């Protein structure tokens, strides 16, 4: 497989395919409903917006904002790369304000299994992602 540049449309497409194929994501979507928008500013392609939508036993990942949107994360390119490559702990990035959270924190907290399943999906694409 060829490498994809982090946050490019090819990267979003690769993750979209992995989310669609993930039994763990479908399983998490049976018991959880959440729309998550991620905004990354200042990258090589400017501002990138993508989403995760989970509901009714289905999960999708793609470009643009979630609809409906329960939570939104905003961060700059350097923070996104550092978290994606494990150079920065996501919790530390929240605490220090490098990742800003907007929306329903209760829905976010109750959706922990969704993010555990998503982390496994990200790991399948991480090895072929170029973070420059």
N, C-alpha and C. Protein backbone atom coordinates (compact mmCIF):
# COMPACT_ATOMS: atom_id res chain seq x y z
N UNK A 1 0.84 -1.19 0.00
CA UNK A 1 0.00 0.00 0.00
C UNK A 1 0.87 1.24 0.00
N UNK A 2 0.38 2.28 -0.64
CA UNK A 2 1.13 3.52 -0.69
C UNK A 2 0.86 4.35 0.55
N UNK A 3 1.80 5.20 0.87
CA UNK A 3 1.64 6.10 2.01
C UNK A 3 0.66 7.20 1.67
N UNK A 4 0.00 7.70 2.70
CA UNK A 4 -0.92 8.82 2.56
C UNK A 4 -0.47 9.92 3.50
N UNK A 5 -0.63 11.16 3.06
CA UNK A 5 -0.23 12.29 3.91
C UNK A 5 -1.32 12.56 4.94
N UNK A 6 -0.88 12.74 6.17
CA UNK A 6 -1.78 13.01 7.29
C UNK A 6 -2.72 14.16 6.96
N UNK A 7 -3.99 13.95 7.19
CA UNK A 7 -5.09 14.89 7.01
C UNK A 7 -5.41 15.22 5.55
N UNK A 8 -4.78 14.52 4.60
CA UNK A 8 -5.14 14.71 3.19
C UNK A 8 -6.46 13.99 2.92
N UNK A 9 -7.07 14.26 1.78
CA UNK A 9 -8.29 13.55 1.43
C UNK A 9 -8.04 12.06 1.28
N UNK A 10 -6.85 11.68 0.83
CA UNK A 10 -6.50 10.26 0.72
C UNK A 10 -6.45 9.61 2.10
N UNK A 11 -5.92 10.33 3.08
CA UNK A 11 -5.87 9.83 4.45
C UNK A 11 -7.29 9.67 5.01
N UNK A 12 -8.12 10.68 4.79
CA UNK A 12 -9.52 10.61 5.24
C UNK A 12 -10.23 9.43 4.56
N UNK A 13 -9.99 9.24 3.26
CA UNK A 13 -10.59 8.11 2.54
C UNK A 13 -10.12 6.77 3.10
N UNK A 14 -8.83 6.68 3.43
CA UNK A 14 -8.29 5.43 3.99
C UNK A 14 -8.94 5.12 5.33
N UNK A 15 -9.09 6.14 6.16
CA UNK A 15 -9.74 5.93 7.45
C UNK A 15 -11.23 5.62 7.29
N UNK A 16 -11.86 6.26 6.34
CA UNK A 16 -13.26 5.99 6.06
C UNK A 16 -13.48 4.52 5.72
N UNK A 17 -12.60 3.97 4.88
CA UNK A 17 -12.71 2.56 4.50
C UNK A 17 -12.48 1.65 5.70
N UNK A 18 -11.51 1.99 6.55
CA UNK A 18 -11.22 1.18 7.73
C UNK A 18 -12.37 1.24 8.75
N UNK A 19 -12.96 2.42 8.94
CA UNK A 19 -14.09 2.54 9.85
C UNK A 19 -15.26 1.71 9.34
N UNK A 20 -15.52 1.80 8.03
CA UNK A 20 -16.63 1.04 7.45
C UNK A 20 -16.43 -0.47 7.59
N UNK A 21 -15.18 -0.93 7.58
CA UNK A 21 -14.88 -2.36 7.66
C UNK A 21 -14.73 -2.87 9.09
N UNK A 22 -14.75 -1.98 10.06
CA UNK A 22 -14.44 -2.35 11.44
C UNK A 22 -15.65 -2.92 12.18
N UNK A 23 -15.55 -4.18 12.55
CA UNK A 23 -16.60 -4.80 13.37
C UNK A 23 -16.67 -4.13 14.74
N UNK A 24 -15.53 -3.73 15.30
CA UNK A 24 -15.52 -3.06 16.60
C UNK A 24 -16.25 -1.72 16.54
N UNK A 25 -16.11 -1.00 15.44
CA UNK A 25 -16.82 0.27 15.30
C UNK A 25 -18.33 0.02 15.20
N UNK A 26 -18.71 -0.97 14.41
CA UNK A 26 -20.15 -1.29 14.29
C UNK A 26 -20.71 -1.72 15.64
N UNK A 27 -19.96 -2.51 16.37
CA UNK A 27 -20.41 -2.96 17.68
C UNK A 27 -20.58 -1.79 18.64
N UNK A 28 -19.62 -0.87 18.66
CA UNK A 28 -19.72 0.31 19.53
C UNK A 28 -20.91 1.19 19.13
N UNK A 29 -21.22 1.20 17.84
CA UNK A 29 -22.31 2.03 17.33
C UNK A 29 -23.69 1.48 17.68
N UNK A 30 -23.75 0.25 18.15
CA UNK A 30 -25.04 -0.31 18.57
C UNK A 30 -25.53 0.38 19.83
N UNK A 31 -24.61 0.63 20.76
CA UNK A 31 -24.98 1.19 22.06
C UNK A 31 -24.66 2.66 22.24
N UNK A 32 -24.03 3.29 21.24
CA UNK A 32 -23.61 4.68 21.40
C UNK A 32 -24.01 5.51 20.18
N UNK A 33 -24.30 6.76 20.44
CA UNK A 33 -24.61 7.72 19.37
C UNK A 33 -23.80 8.97 19.64
N UNK A 34 -22.97 9.34 18.66
CA UNK A 34 -22.17 10.57 18.81
C UNK A 34 -21.74 11.06 17.43
N UNK A 35 -21.73 12.37 17.29
CA UNK A 35 -21.18 13.03 16.11
C UNK A 35 -20.02 13.89 16.56
N UNK A 36 -18.84 13.62 16.02
CA UNK A 36 -17.62 14.31 16.42
C UNK A 36 -17.03 15.02 15.22
N UNK A 37 -16.77 16.31 15.37
CA UNK A 37 -16.08 17.07 14.34
C UNK A 37 -14.68 17.39 14.84
N UNK A 38 -13.71 17.22 13.97
CA UNK A 38 -12.31 17.54 14.28
C UNK A 38 -11.88 18.65 13.33
N UNK A 39 -11.32 19.72 13.88
CA UNK A 39 -10.82 20.85 13.09
C UNK A 39 -9.34 21.00 13.38
N UNK A 40 -8.53 20.95 12.33
CA UNK A 40 -7.08 21.12 12.47
C UNK A 40 -6.68 22.32 11.62
N UNK A 41 -6.11 23.33 12.28
CA UNK A 41 -5.71 24.57 11.62
C UNK A 41 -4.22 24.61 11.35
N UNK A 42 -3.84 25.29 10.27
CA UNK A 42 -2.44 25.59 10.01
C UNK A 42 -1.62 24.46 9.41
N UNK A 43 -2.26 23.50 8.79
CA UNK A 43 -1.53 22.40 8.17
C UNK A 43 -1.11 22.73 6.75
N UNK A 44 -0.42 21.81 6.10
CA UNK A 44 0.03 22.02 4.72
C UNK A 44 -1.11 22.32 3.75
N UNK A 45 -2.30 21.80 4.04
CA UNK A 45 -3.45 22.04 3.17
C UNK A 45 -4.42 23.04 3.79
N UNK A 46 -3.93 23.85 4.74
CA UNK A 46 -4.79 24.83 5.41
C UNK A 46 -5.59 24.17 6.51
N UNK A 47 -6.78 24.67 6.74
CA UNK A 47 -7.66 24.09 7.76
C UNK A 47 -8.34 22.84 7.20
N UNK A 48 -8.30 21.77 7.98
CA UNK A 48 -8.93 20.51 7.59
C UNK A 48 -10.02 20.19 8.61
N UNK A 49 -11.19 19.84 8.11
CA UNK A 49 -12.32 19.48 8.96
C UNK A 49 -12.77 18.08 8.54
N UNK A 50 -12.87 17.19 9.52
CA UNK A 50 -13.38 15.85 9.24
C UNK A 50 -14.23 15.40 10.42
N UNK A 51 -14.97 14.30 10.23
CA UNK A 51 -15.92 13.89 11.26
C UNK A 51 -15.99 12.38 11.43
N UNK A 52 -16.53 12.01 12.57
CA UNK A 52 -16.92 10.64 12.88
C UNK A 52 -18.38 10.70 13.29
N UNK A 53 -19.20 9.87 12.64
CA UNK A 53 -20.61 9.80 12.97
C UNK A 53 -20.93 8.36 13.38
N UNK A 54 -21.50 8.19 14.56
CA UNK A 54 -21.81 6.86 15.08
C UNK A 54 -23.25 6.86 15.58
N UNK A 55 -24.05 5.91 15.07
CA UNK A 55 -25.44 5.79 15.51
C UNK A 55 -26.08 4.56 14.90
N UNK A 56 -27.00 3.97 15.62
CA UNK A 56 -27.84 2.89 15.09
C UNK A 56 -27.06 1.74 14.46
N UNK A 57 -25.94 1.38 15.08
CA UNK A 57 -25.15 0.25 14.58
C UNK A 57 -24.28 0.56 13.37
N UNK A 58 -24.14 1.83 13.03
CA UNK A 58 -23.32 2.21 11.88
C UNK A 58 -22.34 3.31 12.29
N UNK A 59 -21.16 3.26 11.67
CA UNK A 59 -20.14 4.29 11.93
C UNK A 59 -19.60 4.76 10.59
N UNK A 60 -19.42 6.07 10.46
CA UNK A 60 -18.83 6.62 9.23
C UNK A 60 -17.83 7.70 9.60
N UNK A 61 -16.87 7.86 8.73
CA UNK A 61 -15.77 8.82 8.90
C UNK A 61 -15.61 9.52 7.56
N UNK A 62 -15.47 10.84 7.57
CA UNK A 62 -15.33 11.52 6.30
C UNK A 62 -15.01 12.99 6.44
N UNK A 63 -14.87 13.67 5.31
CA UNK A 63 -14.57 15.11 5.33
C UNK A 63 -15.78 15.91 5.78
N UNK A 64 -15.52 17.11 6.30
CA UNK A 64 -16.60 18.00 6.72
C UNK A 64 -17.02 17.76 8.16
N UNK A 65 -17.96 18.57 8.60
CA UNK A 65 -18.44 18.52 9.98
C UNK A 65 -19.46 17.40 10.17
N UNK A 66 -19.55 16.90 11.39
CA UNK A 66 -20.56 15.91 11.75
C UNK A 66 -21.93 16.58 11.71
N UNK A 67 -22.95 15.78 11.35
CA UNK A 67 -24.31 16.28 11.33
C UNK A 67 -25.24 15.17 11.75
N UNK A 68 -25.74 15.18 12.97
CA UNK A 68 -25.58 16.23 13.96
C UNK A 68 -24.23 16.16 14.68
N UNK A 69 -23.81 17.29 15.17
CA UNK A 69 -22.53 17.41 15.87
C UNK A 69 -22.77 17.50 17.37
N UNK A 70 -22.21 16.53 18.11
CA UNK A 70 -22.30 16.57 19.57
C UNK A 70 -21.09 17.26 20.18
N UNK A 71 -19.92 16.99 19.63
CA UNK A 71 -18.69 17.60 20.13
C UNK A 71 -17.80 18.02 18.97
N UNK A 72 -16.99 19.02 19.26
CA UNK A 72 -16.03 19.52 18.27
C UNK A 72 -14.69 19.70 18.97
N UNK A 73 -13.64 19.19 18.33
CA UNK A 73 -12.28 19.40 18.81
C UNK A 73 -11.59 20.34 17.84
N UNK A 74 -10.85 21.31 18.37
CA UNK A 74 -10.06 22.21 17.53
C UNK A 74 -8.63 22.23 18.05
N UNK A 75 -7.68 22.19 17.12
CA UNK A 75 -6.26 22.19 17.46
C UNK A 75 -5.46 22.65 16.26
N UNK A 76 -4.19 22.96 16.50
CA UNK A 76 -3.33 23.33 15.38
C UNK A 76 -2.63 22.08 14.84
N UNK A 77 -2.00 22.25 13.70
CA UNK A 77 -1.31 21.16 13.00
C UNK A 77 -0.27 20.48 13.89
N UNK A 78 0.58 21.27 14.55
CA UNK A 78 1.64 20.69 15.36
C UNK A 78 1.07 19.81 16.48
N UNK A 79 0.00 20.25 17.11
CA UNK A 79 -0.63 19.46 18.16
C UNK A 79 -1.22 18.18 17.58
N UNK A 80 -1.91 18.28 16.46
CA UNK A 80 -2.52 17.10 15.83
C UNK A 80 -1.47 16.06 15.48
N UNK A 81 -0.36 16.50 14.92
CA UNK A 81 0.72 15.57 14.56
C UNK A 81 1.33 14.95 15.82
N UNK A 82 1.57 15.77 16.83
CA UNK A 82 2.17 15.26 18.07
C UNK A 82 1.28 14.21 18.73
N UNK A 83 -0.02 14.43 18.76
CA UNK A 83 -0.94 13.46 19.36
C UNK A 83 -1.01 12.21 18.48
N UNK A 84 -1.10 12.38 17.17
CA UNK A 84 -1.22 11.24 16.25
C UNK A 84 0.00 10.34 16.28
N UNK A 85 1.16 10.91 16.56
CA UNK A 85 2.40 10.13 16.57
C UNK A 85 2.84 9.74 17.98
N UNK A 86 1.98 9.98 18.95
CA UNK A 86 2.25 9.66 20.36
C UNK A 86 3.41 10.46 20.97
N UNK A 87 3.75 11.59 20.36
CA UNK A 87 4.75 12.47 20.94
C UNK A 87 4.13 13.34 22.05
N UNK A 88 2.80 13.45 22.03
CA UNK A 88 2.07 14.23 23.03
C UNK A 88 0.83 13.44 23.43
N UNK A 89 0.62 13.29 24.71
CA UNK A 89 -0.56 12.62 25.22
C UNK A 89 -1.78 13.52 25.00
N UNK A 90 -2.87 12.96 24.46
CA UNK A 90 -4.06 13.75 24.17
C UNK A 90 -4.62 14.41 25.43
N UNK A 91 -4.62 13.70 26.55
CA UNK A 91 -5.12 14.28 27.79
C UNK A 91 -4.30 15.49 28.20
N UNK A 92 -2.99 15.41 28.05
CA UNK A 92 -2.12 16.54 28.37
C UNK A 92 -2.41 17.72 27.43
N UNK A 93 -2.68 17.41 26.16
CA UNK A 93 -3.01 18.46 25.20
C UNK A 93 -4.31 19.18 25.60
N UNK A 94 -5.29 18.45 26.12
CA UNK A 94 -6.53 19.07 26.61
C UNK A 94 -6.25 19.94 27.82
N UNK A 95 -5.51 19.40 28.77
CA UNK A 95 -5.24 20.11 30.02
C UNK A 95 -4.52 21.43 29.76
N UNK A 96 -3.60 21.42 28.81
CA UNK A 96 -2.81 22.62 28.52
C UNK A 96 -3.48 23.53 27.49
N UNK A 97 -4.67 23.17 27.02
CA UNK A 97 -5.40 24.03 26.09
C UNK A 97 -4.96 23.91 24.64
N UNK A 98 -4.12 22.96 24.33
CA UNK A 98 -3.68 22.80 22.93
C UNK A 98 -4.78 22.17 22.08
N UNK A 99 -5.66 21.39 22.71
CA UNK A 99 -6.86 20.89 22.05
C UNK A 99 -8.04 21.52 22.79
N UNK A 100 -8.89 22.19 22.03
CA UNK A 100 -10.07 22.81 22.62
C UNK A 100 -11.30 21.95 22.31
N UNK A 101 -12.14 21.77 23.30
CA UNK A 101 -13.34 20.96 23.19
C UNK A 101 -14.57 21.83 23.33
N UNK A 102 -15.51 21.64 22.40
CA UNK A 102 -16.78 22.34 22.43
C UNK A 102 -17.89 21.31 22.35
N UNK A 103 -18.97 21.51 23.07
CA UNK A 103 -20.12 20.62 22.93
C UNK A 103 -20.43 19.84 24.18
N UNK A 104 -21.06 18.70 23.98
CA UNK A 104 -21.63 17.87 25.05
C UNK A 104 -20.59 16.93 25.64
N UNK A 105 -19.99 17.36 26.74
CA UNK A 105 -18.94 16.56 27.37
C UNK A 105 -19.47 15.25 27.93
N UNK A 106 -20.73 15.22 28.36
CA UNK A 106 -21.32 13.99 28.89
C UNK A 106 -21.42 12.93 27.79
N UNK A 107 -21.86 13.32 26.61
CA UNK A 107 -21.94 12.38 25.48
C UNK A 107 -20.54 11.89 25.14
N UNK A 108 -19.58 12.75 25.17
CA UNK A 108 -18.20 12.37 24.89
C UNK A 108 -17.72 11.34 25.91
N UNK A 109 -17.94 11.61 27.18
CA UNK A 109 -17.49 10.70 28.23
C UNK A 109 -18.18 9.34 28.15
N UNK A 110 -19.44 9.33 27.79
CA UNK A 110 -20.17 8.07 27.72
C UNK A 110 -19.84 7.28 26.45
N UNK A 111 -19.07 7.86 25.55
CA UNK A 111 -18.73 7.21 24.28
C UNK A 111 -17.32 6.63 24.27
N UNK A 112 -16.75 6.38 25.43
CA UNK A 112 -15.39 5.83 25.51
C UNK A 112 -15.18 4.59 24.64
N UNK A 113 -16.12 3.64 24.59
CA UNK A 113 -15.91 2.47 23.73
C UNK A 113 -15.78 2.81 22.24
N UNK A 114 -16.44 3.87 21.82
CA UNK A 114 -16.32 4.31 20.43
C UNK A 114 -14.88 4.73 20.14
N UNK A 115 -14.29 5.48 21.06
CA UNK A 115 -12.93 5.98 20.84
C UNK A 115 -11.89 4.88 20.98
N UNK A 116 -12.17 3.88 21.79
CA UNK A 116 -11.28 2.72 21.87
C UNK A 116 -11.27 1.99 20.53
N UNK A 117 -12.44 1.79 19.95
CA UNK A 117 -12.54 1.14 18.65
C UNK A 117 -11.88 2.00 17.57
N UNK A 118 -12.07 3.31 17.65
CA UNK A 118 -11.48 4.22 16.66
C UNK A 118 -9.96 4.20 16.74
N UNK A 119 -9.42 4.10 17.95
CA UNK A 119 -7.97 4.05 18.10
C UNK A 119 -7.38 2.85 17.36
N UNK A 120 -8.08 1.72 17.42
CA UNK A 120 -7.63 0.54 16.69
C UNK A 120 -7.66 0.78 15.19
N UNK A 121 -8.67 1.50 14.71
CA UNK A 121 -8.76 1.84 13.29
C UNK A 121 -7.59 2.75 12.90
N UNK A 122 -7.34 3.77 13.71
CA UNK A 122 -6.23 4.68 13.42
C UNK A 122 -4.91 3.92 13.34
N UNK A 123 -4.72 2.93 14.20
CA UNK A 123 -3.46 2.19 14.19
C UNK A 123 -3.26 1.43 12.88
N UNK A 124 -4.34 1.03 12.21
CA UNK A 124 -4.20 0.32 10.94
C UNK A 124 -3.69 1.24 9.83
N UNK A 125 -3.96 2.53 9.95
CA UNK A 125 -3.54 3.49 8.92
C UNK A 125 -2.24 4.19 9.31
N UNK A 126 -1.94 4.24 10.60
CA UNK A 126 -0.77 4.97 11.10
C UNK A 126 0.53 4.55 10.42
N UNK A 127 0.70 3.25 10.20
CA UNK A 127 1.97 2.76 9.63
C UNK A 127 2.22 3.23 8.20
N UNK A 128 1.17 3.65 7.52
CA UNK A 128 1.34 4.13 6.15
C UNK A 128 1.00 5.62 6.00
N UNK A 129 1.10 6.33 7.12
CA UNK A 129 0.82 7.77 7.11
C UNK A 129 2.12 8.57 7.17
N UNK A 130 2.21 9.57 6.30
CA UNK A 130 3.34 10.49 6.28
C UNK A 130 2.90 11.75 7.03
N UNK A 131 3.60 12.06 8.12
CA UNK A 131 3.20 13.19 8.99
C UNK A 131 3.93 14.49 8.68
N UNK A 132 4.53 14.61 7.52
CA UNK A 132 5.23 15.85 7.18
C UNK A 132 4.33 16.82 6.48
